[in-house]
Amino acid sequence: MEEFLEEIKKEFREEDKELKELEQGKQNMEEFIQMFKKAVKDNSYKERLLIEEFKKEIDRTIRRRLVETEYPSKSINQWYERVVMLDRNCRESKRKKKEVR
């Protein structure tokens, strides 16, 4: 039994390792979502935990804007759609500011 439990713990750590190493950085959200989907493809996360992990790894500005929205998304796919939209808006806004200068 002890060996079995150690094997399960090891398996979960390996799943989490790839996920924990993710960060959006300078990537656009579409690229990051593809990496995130790949990292969580074979794990057993429930929807709510998947959303929490996703929120941790995205850009702070986008995360803050999502939290400030009128209603929270219930599914990870809704999160993907909303962050892509926000990411595009943020990038467009930054481009316009640079053009004005």
Protein backbone atom coordinates (compact mmCIF):
# COMPACT_ATOMS: atom_id res chain seq x y z
CA MET A 1 0.00 0.00 0.00
CA GLU A 2 2.80 2.39 0.89
CA GLU A 3 4.51 1.84 -2.48
CA PHE A 4 1.22 2.44 -4.24
CA LEU A 5 0.71 5.76 -2.46
CA GLU A 6 4.27 6.86 -3.26
CA GLU A 7 3.71 6.03 -6.92
CA ILE A 8 0.52 8.10 -7.00
CA LYS A 9 2.26 11.05 -5.33
CA LYS A 10 5.11 10.81 -7.82
CA GLU A 11 2.66 10.76 -10.73
CA PHE A 12 0.84 13.87 -9.53
CA ARG A 13 4.10 15.71 -8.99
CA GLU A 14 5.15 14.97 -12.56
CA GLU A 15 1.82 16.26 -13.90
CA ASP A 16 2.08 19.42 -11.85
CA LYS A 17 5.73 20.05 -12.75
CA GLU A 18 5.02 20.93 -16.37
CA LEU A 19 2.05 23.05 -15.38
CA LYS A 20 3.94 24.92 -12.66
CA GLU A 21 6.72 25.79 -15.11
CA LEU A 22 4.29 27.58 -17.44
CA GLU A 23 4.00 31.33 -17.60
CA GLN A 24 2.59 33.59 -20.24
CA GLY A 25 5.55 35.92 -20.46
CA LYS A 26 5.51 37.90 -23.71
CA GLN A 27 3.47 35.31 -25.60
CA ASN A 28 0.04 36.25 -26.82
CA MET A 29 -2.80 34.51 -25.09
CA GLU A 30 -3.57 32.13 -27.99
CA GLU A 31 -0.01 30.75 -27.80
CA PHE A 32 -0.15 30.46 -24.04
CA ILE A 33 -3.51 28.67 -24.10
CA GLN A 34 -2.10 26.07 -26.50
CA MET A 35 0.82 25.44 -24.13
CA PHE A 36 -1.54 25.28 -21.15
CA LYS A 37 -3.85 22.80 -22.88
CA LYS A 38 -0.87 20.61 -23.71
CA ALA A 39 0.37 20.73 -20.11
CA VAL A 40 -3.00 19.70 -18.66
CA LYS A 41 -4.04 17.29 -21.40
CA ASP A 42 -3.36 14.11 -19.45
CA ASN A 43 -4.08 15.23 -15.93
CA SER A 44 -7.18 14.66 -13.91
CA TYR A 45 -7.89 18.20 -12.75
CA LYS A 46 -11.49 19.10 -12.22
CA GLU A 47 -12.83 22.22 -13.96
CA ARG A 48 -12.52 24.51 -10.95
CA LEU A 49 -8.92 23.52 -10.19
CA LEU A 50 -8.04 23.85 -13.86
CA ILE A 51 -9.40 27.41 -13.86
CA GLU A 52 -7.45 28.27 -10.71
CA GLU A 53 -4.21 26.97 -12.23
CA PHE A 54 -4.89 28.88 -15.44
CA LYS A 55 -5.54 32.12 -13.56
CA LYS A 56 -2.23 31.80 -11.71
CA GLU A 57 -0.22 31.69 -14.92
CA ILE A 58 -1.73 34.50 -16.98
CA ASP A 59 -0.68 38.13 -17.11
CA ARG A 60 -1.51 40.07 -13.93
CA THR A 61 -3.32 42.85 -15.77
CA ILE A 62 -5.57 40.42 -17.60
CA ARG A 63 -6.19 38.41 -14.42
CA ARG A 64 -7.20 41.59 -12.57
CA ARG A 65 -9.58 42.61 -15.36
CA LEU A 66 -11.16 39.16 -15.34
CA VAL A 67 -11.74 39.30 -11.61
CA GLU A 68 -13.33 42.74 -11.97
CA THR A 69 -15.86 41.56 -14.58
CA GLU A 70 -19.54 41.42 -13.82
CA TYR A 71 -19.76 37.63 -13.64
CA PRO A 72 -17.13 34.92 -13.29
CA SER A 73 -16.77 32.33 -16.03
CA LYS A 74 -17.86 28.84 -15.06
CA SER A 75 -15.90 26.81 -17.60
CA ILE A 76 -12.28 26.77 -18.69
CA ASN A 77 -13.38 27.36 -22.30
CA GLN A 78 -15.14 30.56 -21.24
CA TRP A 79 -11.92 31.63 -19.53
CA TYR A 80 -9.95 30.94 -22.70
CA GLU A 81 -12.34 33.05 -24.79
CA ARG A 82 -12.38 35.94 -22.37
CA VAL A 83 -8.62 36.11 -21.85
CA VAL A 84 -7.99 36.03 -25.59
CA MET A 85 -10.31 39.00 -26.02
CA LEU A 86 -8.72 40.90 -23.12
CA ASP A 87 -5.22 40.09 -24.34
CA ARG A 88 -6.01 41.43 -27.80
CA ASN A 89 -7.50 44.60 -26.31
CA CYS A 90 -4.47 45.16 -24.05
CA ARG A 91 -2.01 44.62 -26.88
CA GLU A 92 -3.96 46.93 -29.19
CA SER A 93 -4.11 49.60 -26.49
CA LYS A 94 -0.33 49.37 -25.97
CA ARG A 95 0.27 49.65 -29.73
CA LYS A 96 -1.89 52.76 -29.94
CA LYS A 97 -0.06 54.37 -27.02
CA LYS A 98 3.27 53.75 -28.76
CA GLU A 99 1.96 55.26 -32.01
CA VAL A 100 0.87 58.43 -30.22
CA ARG A 101 4.33 58.97 -28.72
